[in-house]
Amino acid sequence: MKRFNYYKVAAASPEVWIGNPKKNVDSMLEIMEGLDKDTQLVVFPELAVSGYTCQDLFYEDLLLEQVKKELVRLCDQMPDNLACVAGAPLVIQDTLYNCAVFMYDHDILGIYVKSHIPGYNEYYE
């Protein structure tokens, strides 16, 4: 009989405070601590660290610096042996991007920049 290996993934929607990365990361860490111990990956929504509807705040250095600081804290305090993907606005080479940040073992392993930006209805990136 063929054996299948399963990868336990959690999709989480934390409570979001617009423009408050500290509270958002607190909420994400609380969710991570409550996951089953055999969960291997948790995925949070797009722009979960800052909140999706920050509009002009995305261009404020204060918010962007706080997002980077809280991403580092999220990496440092997340449970061992758990991978995490979280959305965050990041400035890369002087350009603001909507990114998915992949973290594991207390380190940021990769950043994926959103490339297909919708321009209709509530999607006003």
Protein backbone atom coordinates (compact mmCIF):
# COMPACT_ATOMS: atom_id res chain seq x y z
CA MET A 1 0.00 0.00 0.00
CA LYS A 2 1.29 3.45 -0.90
CA ARG A 3 1.92 5.79 2.02
CA PHE A 4 1.08 9.47 1.68
CA ASN A 5 2.91 12.14 3.59
CA TYR A 6 0.72 15.01 4.59
CA TYR A 7 1.76 18.57 5.29
CA LYS A 8 -0.47 20.25 7.88
CA VAL A 9 -1.22 23.85 6.87
CA ALA A 10 -3.29 26.48 8.68
CA ALA A 11 -4.86 29.48 6.98
CA ALA A 12 -5.42 32.14 9.62
CA SER A 13 -7.31 35.43 9.63
CA PRO A 14 -6.18 37.43 12.64
CA GLU A 15 -7.96 40.43 14.01
CA VAL A 16 -6.46 43.41 12.17
CA TRP A 17 -5.71 46.90 13.46
CA ILE A 18 -5.19 49.27 10.54
CA GLY A 19 -1.77 50.94 10.70
CA ASN A 20 -0.76 49.15 13.92
CA PRO A 21 1.84 46.48 13.08
CA LYS A 22 2.60 45.76 16.75
CA LYS A 23 -0.99 44.73 17.57
CA ASN A 24 -1.26 42.81 14.31
CA VAL A 25 1.89 40.80 15.05
CA ASP A 26 0.67 40.23 18.61
CA SER A 27 -2.51 38.74 17.13
CA MET A 28 -0.52 36.60 14.69
CA LEU A 29 1.75 35.27 17.45
CA GLU A 30 -1.28 34.42 19.58
CA ILE A 31 -2.75 32.41 16.71
CA MET A 32 0.57 30.62 16.15
CA GLU A 33 0.78 29.60 19.79
CA GLY A 34 -2.73 28.15 19.62
CA LEU A 35 -2.08 25.93 16.59
CA ASP A 36 -1.84 22.17 16.86
CA LYS A 37 1.77 21.18 17.51
CA ASP A 38 1.94 19.19 14.27
CA THR A 39 1.06 22.22 12.10
CA GLN A 40 3.97 22.89 9.77
CA LEU A 41 2.87 26.05 7.94
CA VAL A 42 0.61 28.97 8.80
CA VAL A 43 -0.47 31.44 6.14
CA PHE A 44 -1.75 34.92 6.99
CA PRO A 45 -3.57 37.32 4.63
CA GLU A 46 -2.18 39.87 2.26
CA LEU A 47 -0.81 42.94 4.12
CA ALA A 48 -1.64 41.31 7.47
CA VAL A 49 1.22 43.07 9.26
CA SER A 50 0.00 46.59 8.43
CA GLY A 51 -3.65 46.11 7.53
CA TYR A 52 -4.88 46.21 3.94
CA THR A 53 -6.64 49.59 3.93
CA CYS A 54 -3.85 51.92 5.04
CA GLN A 55 -4.07 53.90 1.79
CA ASP A 56 -1.71 56.93 2.04
CA LEU A 57 -0.13 55.58 5.26
CA PHE A 58 1.73 53.06 3.08
CA TYR A 59 3.94 55.97 2.00
CA GLU A 60 4.84 57.01 5.56
CA ASP A 61 8.30 56.03 6.77
CA LEU A 62 7.01 55.61 10.33
CA LEU A 63 4.61 52.81 9.29
CA LEU A 64 7.12 51.12 6.99
CA GLU A 65 9.85 51.10 9.65
CA GLN A 66 7.40 49.69 12.20
CA VAL A 67 6.42 46.93 9.74
CA LYS A 68 10.08 45.89 9.34
CA LYS A 69 10.63 45.97 13.11
CA GLU A 70 7.55 43.82 13.73
CA LEU A 71 8.49 41.33 11.01
CA VAL A 72 11.79 40.80 12.84
CA ARG A 73 9.89 40.34 16.12
CA LEU A 74 7.52 37.88 14.45
CA CYS A 75 10.52 35.86 13.25
CA ASP A 76 12.18 35.93 16.65
CA GLN A 77 9.09 34.94 18.65
CA MET A 78 7.35 32.47 16.34
CA PRO A 79 7.30 28.83 17.46
CA ASP A 80 10.12 26.50 16.41
CA ASN A 81 9.55 24.19 13.45
CA LEU A 82 6.72 26.30 12.05
CA ALA A 83 6.89 28.03 8.68
CA CYS A 84 4.92 31.24 8.19
CA VAL A 85 3.84 33.38 5.26
CA ALA A 86 2.61 36.87 6.08
CA GLY A 87 1.77 39.85 3.90
CA ALA A 88 3.58 43.14 4.44
CA PRO A 89 4.31 46.39 2.59
CA LEU A 90 8.05 46.68 2.00
CA VAL A 91 10.29 49.18 0.26
CA ILE A 92 12.83 47.43 -1.96
CA GLN A 93 15.29 49.55 -3.94
CA ASP A 94 13.26 52.73 -3.34
CA THR A 95 9.97 51.20 -4.54
CA LEU A 96 7.02 50.22 -2.35
CA TYR A 97 5.76 46.66 -2.85
CA ASN A 98 2.96 44.47 -1.53
CA CYS A 99 4.93 41.38 -0.44
CA ALA A 100 4.50 37.89 0.91
CA VAL A 101 7.25 37.19 3.46
CA PHE A 102 8.26 33.55 4.05
CA MET A 103 9.73 32.82 7.51
CA TYR A 104 11.09 29.68 9.11
CA ASP A 105 13.37 28.83 12.02
CA HIS A 106 13.44 32.46 13.22
CA ASP A 107 14.64 33.80 9.89
CA ILE A 108 13.18 35.42 6.78
CA LEU A 109 13.94 32.99 3.96
CA GLY A 110 12.25 34.78 1.10
CA ILE A 111 10.13 37.67 -0.07
CA TYR A 112 7.74 37.43 -2.99
CA VAL A 113 6.58 40.68 -4.59
CA LYS A 114 2.97 40.76 -5.80
CA SER A 115 3.10 41.15 -9.56
CA HIS A 116 -0.55 41.09 -10.69
CA ILE A 117 -2.09 44.22 -9.18
CA PRO A 118 -5.85 44.59 -9.74
CA GLY A 119 -7.16 48.06 -10.41
CA TYR A 120 -10.89 47.74 -9.90
CA ASN A 121 -13.53 47.92 -7.16
CA GLU A 122 -12.04 47.65 -3.65
CA TYR A 123 -8.59 46.68 -5.00
CA TYR A 124 -7.02 50.10 -5.29
CA GLU A 125 -3.36 49.31 -4.78
